[in-house]
Amino acid sequence: MTKHKTLFLTQRGLQHQKWAMDGAPPELELIMRRGASREELLALLADAEFLITERTGVIDAEMIAAAPKLRLIQRLGRQTWDIDLDAARRAGVPVCYWPIDGCVMVAEHMMLQMLGLLKRVREAMHVTAEAADYGVETKRGDEDTFAYNWSRRGGIGKLTGATVGILGFGEIGLELVEQLQGFHCTVRYHKRTRLPAAVEAQLRLEYATPDAIAEHSDIVCSLLPYQGPKEPLDAAYFARMKPGALFVHCGSGATVDEAALLDALRAGHLAGAALDTYTYEPLRPDDPLVQAVQEPTLNLILTPHIAAGGITAGGHSRTQDYDNILALLAGRSLRYRLE
């Protein structure tokens, strides 16, 4: 079988690299690189037929010119602003993006977290299950007979028009912004490398420091990657957040000081929090978060690291990474091609 040399550039860790390698079809000779030097990349491109880049990474005219055998540039994700499309057109190399299902689903999960906290869903479900009448006579409903808010719930909010801050803006952040646009939210973001001004304008985004996001956001969304042994979102950060703000987290585990978050919730400084990842997983029965979620009036939503969907992230879920390469080899049309 002829092996087609495929260079796969990523910024992700070894486990994600392994899953991507496991999902590769046998037709490909896959070379995975993270953090390679410019010189190494140019040398590897000399006889590469396919170039896959994951999420971001500059693909410029020099790199394209160094790859005379190149047949396809495949970006995994929808962040394509760092690819020189004009150079690719001149070289006759098609460029495609590929939406990452897991990132779309995490963004949807964050929408669930925000709406669930704003509507105080856990408390509402608990109250409904109690089946207490709160002193209101039960009657059969019609257009003029109903018992709106019979339990006298308060603190129910709305997402429309809210100011939302995103810490750690990558592929999930991009998907989240597009879902928030329908709610007419003001969205601020922070990432280590600021987006180009044209991209900010296109996405209607405002760049801000982490402290400014804390101070001015109604909802802070954490998508931070792992940053070492000390959690960056600590008591000092939660203290900077607006009184009554919400905190939602689908970033890496071990980035949130969970004890400090609980303190801010119980003190009433924050109005709610939702987490899908944790410092220690799986959660144990004696974990303070597990104890706290038993308190029906504490606006806390915990989910068991499922934001990306109810499947594993293993190699079989990465086979789509290579669909366009297989389509090209079989003479089929490319999907998500950039013109």
C-alpha atoms as a PDB file:
ATOM      1  CA  MET A   1       0.000   0.000   0.000  1.00  0.00           C
ATOM      2  CA  THR A   2       1.251   3.478  -0.906  1.00  0.00           C
ATOM      3  CA  LYS A   3       1.666   5.634   2.156  1.00  0.00           C
ATOM      4  CA  HIS A   4       0.860   9.328   1.794  1.00  0.00           C
ATOM      5  CA  LYS A   5       3.100  11.523   3.914  1.00  0.00           C
ATOM      6  CA  THR A   6       0.935  13.644   6.188  1.00  0.00           C
ATOM      7  CA  LEU A   7       2.312  16.292   8.550  1.00  0.00           C
ATOM      8  CA  PHE A   8       0.062  16.869  11.575  1.00  0.00           C
ATOM      9  CA  LEU A   9       0.818  20.046  13.571  1.00  0.00           C
ATOM     10  CA  THR A  10      -0.746  20.400  17.018  1.00  0.00           C
ATOM     11  CA  GLN A  11      -0.402  22.291  20.291  1.00  0.00           C
ATOM     12  CA  ARG A  12      -2.186  19.610  22.278  1.00  0.00           C
ATOM     13  CA  GLY A  13      -0.793  17.192  24.863  1.00  0.00           C
ATOM     14  CA  LEU A  14       0.454  13.640  24.409  1.00  0.00           C
ATOM     15  CA  GLN A  15      -2.868  11.946  25.158  1.00  0.00           C
ATOM     16  CA  HIS A  16      -4.682  13.971  22.494  1.00  0.00           C
ATOM     17  CA  GLN A  17      -1.816  13.327  20.083  1.00  0.00           C
ATOM     18  CA  LYS A  18      -2.135   9.585  20.687  1.00  0.00           C
ATOM     19  CA  TRP A  19      -5.871   9.668  20.041  1.00  0.00           C
ATOM     20  CA  ALA A  20      -5.315  11.523  16.780  1.00  0.00           C
ATOM     21  CA  MET A  21      -2.639   8.992  15.747  1.00  0.00           C
ATOM     22  CA  ASP A  22      -4.931   6.086  16.648  1.00  0.00           C
ATOM     23  CA  GLY A  23      -7.682   7.533  14.453  1.00  0.00           C
ATOM     24  CA  ALA A  24      -5.490   7.846  11.359  1.00  0.00           C
ATOM     25  CA  PRO A  25      -6.278   5.588   8.373  1.00  0.00           C
ATOM     26  CA  PRO A  26      -3.620   3.100   7.231  1.00  0.00           C
ATOM     27  CA  GLU A  27      -3.152   4.940   3.934  1.00  0.00           C
ATOM     28  CA  LEU A  28      -1.262   7.731   5.703  1.00  0.00           C
ATOM     29  CA  GLU A  29       2.303   8.003   6.938  1.00  0.00           C
ATOM     30  CA  LEU A  30       1.508  10.346   9.810  1.00  0.00           C
ATOM     31  CA  ILE A  31       4.158  12.615  11.316  1.00  0.00           C
ATOM     32  CA  MET A  32       2.958  14.391  14.462  1.00  0.00           C
ATOM     33  CA  ARG A  33       4.755  17.523  15.669  1.00  0.00           C
ATOM     34  CA  ARG A  34       4.214  19.889  18.572  1.00  0.00           C
ATOM     35  CA  GLY A  35       6.403  22.961  18.917  1.00  0.00           C
ATOM     36  CA  ALA A  36       8.705  22.113  16.002  1.00  0.00           C
ATOM     37  CA  SER A  37      11.206  24.718  14.857  1.00  0.00           C
ATOM     38  CA  ARG A  38      10.692  26.643  11.660  1.00  0.00           C
ATOM     39  CA  GLU A  39      13.617  24.840  10.060  1.00  0.00           C
ATOM     40  CA  GLU A  40      12.221  21.418  10.921  1.00  0.00           C
ATOM     41  CA  LEU A  41       8.764  22.296   9.576  1.00  0.00           C
ATOM     42  CA  LEU A  42      10.161  23.531   6.272  1.00  0.00           C
ATOM     43  CA  ALA A  43      12.212  20.343   5.924  1.00  0.00           C
ATOM     44  CA  LEU A  44       9.235  18.097   6.720  1.00  0.00           C
ATOM     45  CA  LEU A  45       7.035  19.963   4.235  1.00  0.00           C
ATOM     46  CA  ALA A  46       9.436  19.263   1.369  1.00  0.00           C
ATOM     47  CA  ASP A  47       7.787  15.928   0.513  1.00  0.00           C
ATOM     48  CA  ALA A  48       4.484  16.165   2.425  1.00  0.00           C
ATOM     49  CA  GLU A  49       1.270  15.527   0.505  1.00  0.00           C
ATOM     50  CA  PHE A  50      -1.096  16.626   3.243  1.00  0.00           C
ATOM     51  CA  LEU A  51      -0.834  19.178   6.037  1.00  0.00           C
ATOM     52  CA  ILE A  52      -3.183  19.005   9.028  1.00  0.00           C
ATOM     53  CA  THR A  53      -3.132  21.812  11.575  1.00  0.00           C
ATOM     54  CA  GLU A  54      -5.141  21.603  14.768  1.00  0.00           C
ATOM     55  CA  ARG A  55      -7.110  24.679  15.839  1.00  0.00           C
ATOM     56  CA  THR A  56      -4.450  27.351  15.199  1.00  0.00           C
ATOM     57  CA  GLY A  57      -0.928  27.819  13.842  1.00  0.00           C
ATOM     58  CA  VAL A  58       0.425  30.104  11.150  1.00  0.00           C
ATOM     59  CA  ILE A  59       0.582  28.603   7.669  1.00  0.00           C
ATOM     60  CA  ASP A  60       2.263  31.253   5.549  1.00  0.00           C
ATOM     61  CA  ALA A  61       3.520  31.630   1.986  1.00  0.00           C
ATOM     62  CA  GLU A  62       7.010  30.360   2.786  1.00  0.00           C
ATOM     63  CA  MET A  63       5.640  27.126   4.260  1.00  0.00           C
ATOM     64  CA  ILE A  64       3.360  26.569   1.273  1.00  0.00           C
ATOM     65  CA  ALA A  65       6.190  27.257  -1.158  1.00  0.00           C
ATOM     66  CA  ALA A  66       8.365  24.737   0.711  1.00  0.00           C
ATOM     67  CA  ALA A  67       5.805  21.989  -0.011  1.00  0.00           C
ATOM     68  CA  PRO A  68       5.747  21.375  -3.792  1.00  0.00           C
ATOM     69  CA  LYS A  69       3.906  18.052  -3.365  1.00  0.00           C
ATOM     70  CA  LEU A  70       1.208  19.485  -1.083  1.00  0.00           C
ATOM     71  CA  ARG A  71      -2.341  18.496  -2.076  1.00  0.00           C
ATOM     72  CA  LEU A  72      -4.431  19.749   0.847  1.00  0.00           C
ATOM     73  CA  ILE A  73      -4.231  21.977   3.927  1.00  0.00           C
ATOM     74  CA  GLN A  74      -6.734  20.741   6.508  1.00  0.00           C
ATOM     75  CA  ARG A  75      -7.482  22.939   9.537  1.00  0.00           C
ATOM     76  CA  LEU A  76      -9.202  21.111  12.386  1.00  0.00           C
ATOM     77  CA  GLY A  77     -11.553  23.722  13.784  1.00  0.00           C
ATOM     78  CA  ARG A  78     -12.880  26.953  12.324  1.00  0.00           C
ATOM     79  CA  GLN A  79     -10.056  29.355  13.187  1.00  0.00           C
ATOM     80  CA  THR A  80      -8.582  29.926   9.759  1.00  0.00           C
ATOM     81  CA  TRP A  81      -7.404  33.529   9.968  1.00  0.00           C
ATOM     82  CA  ASP A  82      -3.740  32.509  10.365  1.00  0.00           C
ATOM     83  CA  ILE A  83      -3.612  30.620   7.044  1.00  0.00           C
ATOM     84  CA  ASP A  84      -2.413  32.516   3.968  1.00  0.00           C
ATOM     85  CA  LEU A  85      -5.294  31.663   1.644  1.00  0.00           C
ATOM     86  CA  ASP A  86      -3.931  33.780  -1.203  1.00  0.00           C
ATOM     87  CA  ALA A  87      -0.650  31.853  -1.184  1.00  0.00           C
ATOM     88  CA  ALA A  88      -2.561  28.563  -1.133  1.00  0.00           C
ATOM     89  CA  ARG A  89      -4.650  29.645  -4.131  1.00  0.00           C
ATOM     90  CA  ARG A  90      -1.568  30.637  -6.067  1.00  0.00           C
ATOM     91  CA  ALA A  91      -0.058  27.223  -5.342  1.00  0.00           C
ATOM     92  CA  GLY A  92      -3.291  25.451  -6.305  1.00  0.00           C
ATOM     93  CA  VAL A  93      -3.609  23.880  -2.848  1.00  0.00           C
ATOM     94  CA  PRO A  94      -7.162  23.622  -1.450  1.00  0.00           C
ATOM     95  CA  VAL A  95      -7.729  24.696   2.154  1.00  0.00           C
ATOM     96  CA  CYS A  96     -10.505  23.251   4.293  1.00  0.00           C
ATOM     97  CA  TYR A  97     -11.658  23.703   7.866  1.00  0.00           C
ATOM     98  CA  TRP A  98     -13.461  21.057   9.888  1.00  0.00           C
ATOM     99  CA  PRO A  99     -15.841  21.845  12.773  1.00  0.00           C
ATOM    100  CA  ILE A 100     -14.856  19.960  15.928  1.00  0.00           C
ATOM    101  CA  ASP A 101     -17.975  18.294  17.311  1.00  0.00           C
ATOM    102  CA  GLY A 102     -16.593  18.151  20.836  1.00  0.00           C
ATOM    103  CA  CYS A 103     -15.939  21.906  20.873  1.00  0.00           C
ATOM    104  CA  VAL A 104     -19.444  22.639  19.588  1.00  0.00           C
ATOM    105  CA  MET A 105     -20.880  20.461  22.345  1.00  0.00           C
ATOM    106  CA  VAL A 106     -18.793  22.090  25.082  1.00  0.00           C
ATOM    107  CA  ALA A 107     -20.055  25.496  23.952  1.00  0.00           C
ATOM    108  CA  GLU A 108     -23.621  24.172  24.100  1.00  0.00           C
ATOM    109  CA  HIS A 109     -22.930  22.837  27.591  1.00  0.00           C
ATOM    110  CA  MET A 110     -21.759  26.260  28.712  1.00  0.00           C
ATOM    111  CA  MET A 111     -25.022  27.711  27.410  1.00  0.00           C
ATOM    112  CA  LEU A 112     -26.852  25.117  29.523  1.00  0.00           C
ATOM    113  CA  GLN A 113     -24.746  26.094  32.552  1.00  0.00           C
ATOM    114  CA  MET A 114     -25.484  29.793  32.134  1.00  0.00           C
ATOM    115  CA  LEU A 115     -29.195  29.369  31.535  1.00  0.00           C
ATOM    116  CA  GLY A 116     -29.501  26.778  34.299  1.00  0.00           C
ATOM    117  CA  LEU A 117     -27.938  29.159  36.823  1.00  0.00           C
ATOM    118  CA  LEU A 118     -29.891  32.186  35.634  1.00  0.00           C
ATOM    119  CA  LYS A 119     -33.174  30.282  35.911  1.00  0.00           C
ATOM    120  CA  ARG A 120     -32.073  28.588  39.171  1.00  0.00           C
ATOM    121  CA  VAL A 121     -33.059  25.230  37.697  1.00  0.00           C
ATOM    122  CA  ARG A 122     -31.790  23.011  40.541  1.00  0.00           C
ATOM    123  CA  GLU A 123     -33.716  24.971  43.148  1.00  0.00           C
ATOM    124  CA  ALA A 124     -36.822  25.052  40.953  1.00  0.00           C
ATOM    125  CA  MET A 125     -36.702  21.282  40.418  1.00  0.00           C
ATOM    126  CA  HIS A 126     -36.289  20.683  44.160  1.00  0.00           C
ATOM    127  CA  VAL A 127     -39.221  22.956  44.996  1.00  0.00           C
ATOM    128  CA  THR A 128     -41.420  21.357  42.348  1.00  0.00           C
ATOM    129  CA  ALA A 129     -40.596  17.852  43.588  1.00  0.00           C
ATOM    130  CA  GLU A 130     -41.591  18.870  47.124  1.00  0.00           C
ATOM    131  CA  ALA A 131     -45.163  19.374  45.872  1.00  0.00           C
ATOM    132  CA  ALA A 132     -45.844  21.933  48.617  1.00  0.00           C
ATOM    133  CA  ASP A 133     -48.604  24.450  47.910  1.00  0.00           C
ATOM    134  CA  TYR A 134     -47.010  27.359  49.810  1.00  0.00           C
ATOM    135  CA  GLY A 135     -50.445  28.377  51.032  1.00  0.00           C
ATOM    136  CA  VAL A 136     -51.942  28.603  47.542  1.00  0.00           C
ATOM    137  CA  GLU A 137     -55.122  26.641  46.833  1.00  0.00           C
ATOM    138  CA  THR A 138     -54.693  24.107  44.036  1.00  0.00           C
ATOM    139  CA  LYS A 139     -57.170  24.629  41.188  1.00  0.00           C
ATOM    140  CA  ARG A 140     -57.616  23.324  37.695  1.00  0.00           C
ATOM    141  CA  GLY A 141     -56.053  25.804  35.284  1.00  0.00           C
ATOM    142  CA  ASP A 142     -57.676  27.716  32.445  1.00  0.00           C
ATOM    143  CA  GLU A 143     -56.810  30.961  30.671  1.00  0.00           C
ATOM    144  CA  ASP A 144     -57.706  32.999  33.750  1.00  0.00           C
ATOM    145  CA  THR A 145     -56.824  30.531  36.495  1.00  0.00           C
ATOM    146  CA  PHE A 146     -53.167  29.796  37.237  1.00  0.00           C
ATOM    147  CA  ALA A 147     -50.707  30.059  40.091  1.00  0.00           C
ATOM    148  CA  TYR A 148     -47.693  31.821  38.619  1.00  0.00           C
ATOM    149  CA  ASN A 149     -44.611  31.407  40.845  1.00  0.00           C
ATOM    150  CA  TRP A 150     -46.610  29.823  43.652  1.00  0.00           C
ATOM    151  CA  SER A 151     -43.408  29.118  45.586  1.00  0.00           C
ATOM    152  CA  ARG A 152     -42.397  32.789  45.420  1.00  0.00           C
ATOM    153  CA  ARG A 153     -38.975  32.160  43.838  1.00  0.00           C
ATOM    154  CA  GLY A 154     -36.687  35.146  43.403  1.00  0.00           C
ATOM    155  CA  GLY A 155     -33.382  35.857  41.736  1.00  0.00           C
ATOM    156  CA  ILE A 156     -34.409  34.490  38.335  1.00  0.00           C
ATOM    157  CA  GLY A 157     -32.460  36.234  35.592  1.00  0.00           C
ATOM    158  CA  LYS A 158     -32.074  36.432  31.829  1.00  0.00           C
ATOM    159  CA  LEU A 159     -29.160  35.898  29.480  1.00  0.00           C
ATOM    160  CA  THR A 160     -30.314  38.357  26.830  1.00  0.00           C
ATOM    161  CA  GLY A 161     -28.245  41.520  26.982  1.00  0.00           C
ATOM    162  CA  ALA A 162     -25.810  40.190  29.604  1.00  0.00           C
ATOM    163  CA  THR A 163     -22.098  40.962  29.604  1.00  0.00           C
ATOM    164  CA  VAL A 164     -20.211  37.693  29.276  1.00  0.00           C
ATOM    165  CA  GLY A 165     -16.462  37.343  29.788  1.00  0.00           C
ATOM    166  CA  ILE A 166     -14.498  34.410  28.377  1.00  0.00           C
ATOM    167  CA  LEU A 167     -11.164  33.421  29.907  1.00  0.00           C
ATOM    168  CA  GLY A 168      -9.145  31.305  27.480  1.00  0.00           C
ATOM    169  CA  PHE A 169     -10.387  31.839  23.934  1.00  0.00           C
ATOM    170  CA  GLY A 170      -9.802  29.003  21.515  1.00  0.00           C
ATOM    171  CA  GLU A 171     -12.021  26.802  19.383  1.00  0.00           C
ATOM    172  CA  ILE A 172     -14.644  26.395  22.121  1.00  0.00           C
ATOM    173  CA  GLY A 173     -14.676  30.148  22.717  1.00  0.00           C
ATOM    174  CA  LEU A 174     -15.332  30.741  19.023  1.00  0.00           C
ATOM    175  CA  GLU A 175     -18.294  28.352  19.081  1.00  0.00           C
ATOM    176  CA  LEU A 176     -19.574  29.924  22.306  1.00  0.00           C
ATOM    177  CA  VAL A 177     -19.464  33.458  20.899  1.00  0.00           C
ATOM    178  CA  GLU A 178     -21.562  32.450  17.915  1.00  0.00           C
ATOM    179  CA  GLN A 179     -24.160  30.851  20.184  1.00  0.00           C
ATOM    180  CA  LEU A 180     -24.237  33.941  22.421  1.00  0.00           C
ATOM    181  CA  GLN A 181     -24.847  36.283  19.500  1.00  0.00           C
ATOM    182  CA  GLY A 182     -28.500  35.281  19.378  1.00  0.00           C
ATOM    183  CA  PHE A 183     -28.854  36.574  22.941  1.00  0.00           C
ATOM    184  CA  HIS A 184     -27.409  40.011  22.056  1.00  0.00           C
ATOM    185  CA  CYS A 185     -24.721  39.694  24.703  1.00  0.00           C
ATOM    186  CA  THR A 186     -21.705  41.945  25.079  1.00  0.00           C
ATOM    187  CA  VAL A 187     -18.774  39.535  24.961  1.00  0.00           C
ATOM    188  CA  ARG A 188     -15.267  40.236  26.233  1.00  0.00           C
ATOM    189  CA  TYR A 189     -12.429  37.736  25.993  1.00  0.00           C
ATOM    190  CA  HIS A 190      -8.872  37.166  27.093  1.00  0.00           C
ATOM    191  CA  LYS A 191      -6.214  34.917  25.612  1.00  0.00           C
ATOM    192  CA  ARG A 192      -2.439  34.987  25.653  1.00  0.00           C
ATOM    193  CA  THR A 193      -2.218  36.074  22.026  1.00  0.00           C
ATOM    194  CA  ARG A 194      -4.807  38.658  21.066  1.00  0.00           C
ATOM    195  CA  LEU A 195      -6.903  37.997  17.968  1.00  0.00           C
ATOM    196  CA  PRO A 196      -6.422  40.170  14.873  1.00  0.00           C
ATOM    197  CA  ALA A 197      -8.543  43.330  14.912  1.00  0.00           C
ATOM    198  CA  ALA A 198     -10.491  42.170  11.861  1.00  0.00           C
ATOM    199  CA  VAL A 199     -11.444  38.928  13.636  1.00  0.00           C
ATOM    200  CA  GLU A 200     -12.541  40.818  16.750  1.00  0.00           C
ATOM    201  CA  ALA A 201     -14.745  43.025  14.575  1.00  0.00           C
ATOM    202  CA  GLN A 202     -16.186  40.059  12.692  1.00  0.00           C
ATOM    203  CA  LEU A 203     -17.059  38.236  15.926  1.00  0.00           C
ATOM    204  CA  ARG A 204     -18.136  41.441  17.740  1.00  0.00           C
ATOM    205  CA  LEU A 205     -15.641  40.763  20.522  1.00  0.00           C
ATOM    206  CA  GLU A 206     -13.874  43.090  22.931  1.00  0.00           C
ATOM    207  CA  TYR A 207     -10.424  42.234  24.277  1.00  0.00           C
ATOM    208  CA  ALA A 208      -9.967  42.663  28.051  1.00  0.00           C
ATOM    209  CA  THR A 209      -7.581  41.691  30.816  1.00  0.00           C
ATOM    210  CA  PRO A 210      -8.629  38.884  33.187  1.00  0.00           C
ATOM    211  CA  ASP A 211      -9.169  41.453  35.960  1.00  0.00           C
ATOM    212  CA  ALA A 212     -11.371  43.609  33.728  1.00  0.00           C
ATOM    213  CA  ILE A 213     -13.398  40.549  32.800  1.00  0.00           C
ATOM    214  CA  ALA A 214     -13.894  39.784  36.497  1.00  0.00           C
ATOM    215  CA  GLU A 215     -14.892  43.336  37.338  1.00  0.00           C
ATOM    216  CA  HIS A 216     -17.337  43.983  34.487  1.00  0.00           C
ATOM    217  CA  SER A 217     -18.915  40.637  33.552  1.00  0.00           C
ATOM    218  CA  ASP A 218     -22.315  39.391  34.621  1.00  0.00           C
ATOM    219  CA  ILE A 219     -21.078  35.895  33.765  1.00  0.00           C
ATOM    220  CA  VAL A 220     -17.466  34.688  33.681  1.00  0.00           C
ATOM    221  CA  CYS A 221     -16.867  31.643  31.464  1.00  0.00           C
ATOM    222  CA  SER A 222     -13.641  29.753  32.171  1.00  0.00           C
ATOM    223  CA  LEU A 223     -12.066  27.821  29.325  1.00  0.00           C
ATOM    224  CA  LEU A 224      -8.536  28.058  30.686  1.00  0.00           C
ATOM    225  CA  PRO A 225      -6.002  25.336  29.904  1.00  0.00           C
ATOM    226  CA  TYR A 226      -3.987  23.712  32.673  1.00  0.00           C
ATOM    227  CA  GLN A 227      -1.459  26.188  34.064  1.00  0.00           C
ATOM    228  CA  GLY A 228       0.526  24.359  36.712  1.00  0.00           C
ATOM    229  CA  PRO A 229       0.193  23.332  40.352  1.00  0.00           C
ATOM    230  CA  LYS A 230      -1.534  26.509  41.544  1.00  0.00           C
ATOM    231  CA  GLU A 231      -5.084  27.203  40.396  1.00  0.00           C
ATOM    232  CA  PRO A 232      -5.173  30.665  38.753  1.00  0.00           C
ATOM    233  CA  LEU A 233      -8.859  31.253  39.544  1.00  0.00           C
ATOM    234  CA  ASP A 234      -8.522  31.722  43.278  1.00  0.00           C
ATOM    235  CA  ALA A 235     -10.115  33.649  46.149  1.00  0.00           C
ATOM    236  CA  ALA A 236      -8.595  36.927  44.952  1.00  0.00           C
ATOM    237  CA  TYR A 237     -10.073  36.460  41.492  1.00  0.00           C
ATOM    238  CA  PHE A 238     -13.540  35.609  42.780  1.00  0.00           C
ATOM    239  CA  ALA A 239     -13.393  38.665  45.077  1.00  0.00           C
ATOM    240  CA  ARG A 240     -12.785  40.849  41.987  1.00  0.00           C
ATOM    241  CA  MET A 241     -15.919  39.561  40.290  1.00  0.00           C
ATOM    242  CA  LYS A 242     -19.060  41.688  40.350  1.00  0.00           C
ATOM    243  CA  PRO A 243     -21.356  41.002  43.311  1.00  0.00           C
ATOM    244  CA  GLY A 244     -24.127  38.734  42.077  1.00  0.00           C
ATOM    245  CA  ALA A 245     -22.168  37.493  39.052  1.00  0.00           C
ATOM    246  CA  LEU A 246     -22.138  33.894  37.828  1.00  0.00           C
ATOM    247  CA  PHE A 247     -19.138  31.636  37.188  1.00  0.00           C
ATOM    248  CA  VAL A 248     -19.173  28.713  34.749  1.00  0.00           C
ATOM    249  CA  HIS A 249     -16.270  26.402  33.999  1.00  0.00           C
ATOM    250  CA  CYS A 250     -15.574  23.913  31.211  1.00  0.00           C
ATOM    251  CA  GLY A 251     -11.838  24.510  30.993  1.00  0.00           C
ATOM    252  CA  SER A 252      -9.119  22.235  32.256  1.00  0.00           C
ATOM    253  CA  GLY A 253      -9.291  20.622  35.654  1.00  0.00           C
ATOM    254  CA  ALA A 254      -7.052  22.065  38.380  1.00  0.00           C
ATOM    255  CA  THR A 255      -7.555  25.673  37.256  1.00  0.00           C
ATOM    256  CA  VAL A 256     -10.259  26.593  39.797  1.00  0.00           C
ATOM    257  CA  ASP A 257      -9.716  26.903  43.554  1.00  0.00           C
ATOM    258  CA  GLU A 258     -12.907  25.040  44.382  1.00  0.00           C
ATOM    259  CA  ALA A 259     -12.832  25.831  48.128  1.00  0.00           C
ATOM    260  CA  ALA A 260     -12.549  29.545  47.353  1.00  0.00           C
ATOM    261  CA  LEU A 261     -15.409  29.275  44.863  1.00  0.00           C
ATOM    262  CA  LEU A 262     -17.636  27.646  47.485  1.00  0.00           C
ATOM    263  CA  ASP A 263     -16.735  30.390  49.968  1.00  0.00           C
ATOM    264  CA  ALA A 264     -17.741  33.065  47.449  1.00  0.00           C
ATOM    265  CA  LEU A 265     -21.037  31.277  46.811  1.00  0.00           C
ATOM    266  CA  ARG A 266     -21.916  30.736  50.450  1.00  0.00           C
ATOM    267  CA  ALA A 267     -21.029  34.334  51.291  1.00  0.00           C
ATOM    268  CA  GLY A 268     -23.498  35.496  48.662  1.00  0.00           C
ATOM    269  CA  HIS A 269     -20.831  37.350  46.675  1.00  0.00           C
ATOM    270  CA  LEU A 270     -21.457  35.129  43.653  1.00  0.00           C
ATOM    271  CA  ALA A 271     -25.009  34.239  42.671  1.00  0.00           C
ATOM    272  CA  GLY A 272     -24.175  30.866  41.161  1.00  0.00           C
ATOM    273  CA  ALA A 273     -21.540  28.548  39.742  1.00  0.00           C
ATOM    274  CA  ALA A 274     -21.462  25.571  37.381  1.00  0.00           C
ATOM    275  CA  LEU A 275     -18.545  23.206  36.776  1.00  0.00           C
ATOM    276  CA  ASP A 276     -17.938  20.267  34.474  1.00  0.00           C
ATOM    277  CA  THR A 277     -14.253  19.627  35.294  1.00  0.00           C
ATOM    278  CA  TYR A 278     -12.512  19.377  38.654  1.00  0.00           C
ATOM    279  CA  THR A 279      -9.141  19.310  40.368  1.00  0.00           C
ATOM    280  CA  TYR A 280      -9.670  15.651  41.293  1.00  0.00           C
ATOM    281  CA  GLU A 281     -11.731  13.358  39.068  1.00  0.00           C
ATOM    282  CA  PRO A 282     -13.922  11.403  39.548  1.00  0.00           C
ATOM    283  CA  LEU A 283     -15.478  13.314  42.427  1.00  0.00           C
ATOM    284  CA  ARG A 284     -15.601  11.369  45.700  1.00  0.00           C
ATOM    285  CA  PRO A 285     -18.487  11.358  48.218  1.00  0.00           C
ATOM    286  CA  ASP A 286     -16.462  13.406  50.719  1.00  0.00           C
ATOM    287  CA  ASP A 287     -15.550  16.125  48.206  1.00  0.00           C
ATOM    288  CA  PRO A 288     -16.808  19.518  49.493  1.00  0.00           C
ATOM    289  CA  LEU A 289     -18.431  20.179  46.113  1.00  0.00           C
ATOM    290  CA  VAL A 290     -20.497  17.002  46.427  1.00  0.00           C
ATOM    291  CA  GLN A 291     -21.549  18.035  49.920  1.00  0.00           C
ATOM    292  CA  ALA A 292     -22.419  21.545  48.742  1.00  0.00           C
ATOM    293  CA  VAL A 293     -24.597  20.424  45.862  1.00  0.00           C
ATOM    294  CA  GLN A 294     -26.910  18.761  48.379  1.00  0.00           C
ATOM    295  CA  GLU A 295     -27.904  22.249  49.595  1.00  0.00           C
ATOM    296  CA  PRO A 296     -31.033  23.005  47.555  1.00  0.00           C
ATOM    297  CA  THR A 297     -30.790  26.796  47.810  1.00  0.00           C
ATOM    298  CA  LEU A 298     -27.131  26.967  46.787  1.00  0.00           C
ATOM    299  CA  ASN A 299     -27.140  27.804  43.081  1.00  0.00           C
ATOM    300  CA  LEU A 300     -24.531  25.212  42.111  1.00  0.00           C
ATOM    301  CA  ILE A 301     -24.606  22.911  39.073  1.00  0.00           C
ATOM    302  CA  LEU A 302     -22.129  20.037  38.801  1.00  0.00           C
ATOM    303  CA  THR A 303     -21.839  17.687  35.823  1.00  0.00           C
ATOM    304  CA  PRO A 304     -19.470  14.694  35.506  1.00  0.00           C
ATOM    305  CA  HIS A 305     -17.047  15.945  32.798  1.00  0.00           C
ATOM    306  CA  ILE A 306     -19.486  15.311  29.961  1.00  0.00           C
ATOM    307  CA  ALA A 307     -19.557  18.659  28.154  1.00  0.00           C
ATOM    308  CA  ALA A 308     -17.981  17.236  24.991  1.00  0.00           C
ATOM    309  CA  GLY A 309     -20.603  14.495  24.771  1.00  0.00           C
ATOM    310  CA  GLY A 310     -21.393  11.072  26.099  1.00  0.00           C
ATOM    311  CA  ILE A 311     -18.556   9.302  24.297  1.00  0.00           C
ATOM    312  CA  THR A 312     -14.883   8.850  25.035  1.00  0.00           C
ATOM    313  CA  ALA A 313     -12.328  11.078  23.357  1.00  0.00           C
ATOM    314  CA  GLY A 314     -10.413   8.069  22.034  1.00  0.00           C
ATOM    315  CA  GLY A 315      -9.034   7.362  18.594  1.00  0.00           C
ATOM    316  CA  HIS A 316     -12.285   6.193  17.035  1.00  0.00           C
ATOM    317  CA  SER A 317     -13.732   9.669  17.598  1.00  0.00           C
ATOM    318  CA  ARG A 318     -10.814  11.270  15.702  1.00  0.00           C
ATOM    319  CA  THR A 319     -11.367   9.489  12.395  1.00  0.00           C
ATOM    320  CA  GLN A 320     -13.193  12.545  11.021  1.00  0.00           C
ATOM    321  CA  ASP A 321      -9.903  14.442  11.172  1.00  0.00           C
ATOM    322  CA  TYR A 322      -8.920  12.582   8.005  1.00  0.00           C
ATOM    323  CA  ASP A 323     -12.221  12.502   6.073  1.00  0.00           C
ATOM    324  CA  ASN A 324     -11.224  15.169   3.568  1.00  0.00           C
ATOM    325  CA  ILE A 325      -7.895  13.478   2.861  1.00  0.00           C
ATOM    326  CA  LEU A 326      -9.689  10.199   2.149  1.00  0.00           C
ATOM    327  CA  ALA A 327     -12.237  12.062   0.026  1.00  0.00           C
ATOM    328  CA  LEU A 328      -9.452  13.624  -2.067  1.00  0.00           C
ATOM    329  CA  LEU A 329      -7.714  10.267  -2.515  1.00  0.00           C
ATOM    330  CA  ALA A 330     -11.023   8.750  -3.658  1.00  0.00           C
ATOM    331  CA  GLY A 331     -11.831  11.640  -6.027  1.00  0.00           C
ATOM    332  CA  ARG A 332     -14.776  12.881  -3.944  1.00  0.00           C
ATOM    333  CA  SER A 333     -15.700  16.471  -3.156  1.00  0.00           C
ATOM    334  CA  LEU A 334     -14.046  18.215  -0.215  1.00  0.00           C
ATOM    335  CA  ARG A 335     -16.170  19.428   2.668  1.00  0.00           C
ATOM    336  CA  TYR A 336     -15.869  22.869   4.298  1.00  0.00           C
ATOM    337  CA  ARG A 337     -13.561  24.140   1.583  1.00  0.00           C
ATOM    338  CA  LEU A 338     -12.492  27.773   1.835  1.00  0.00           C
ATOM    339  CA  GLU A 339     -12.737  29.674  -1.438  1.00  0.00           C
END
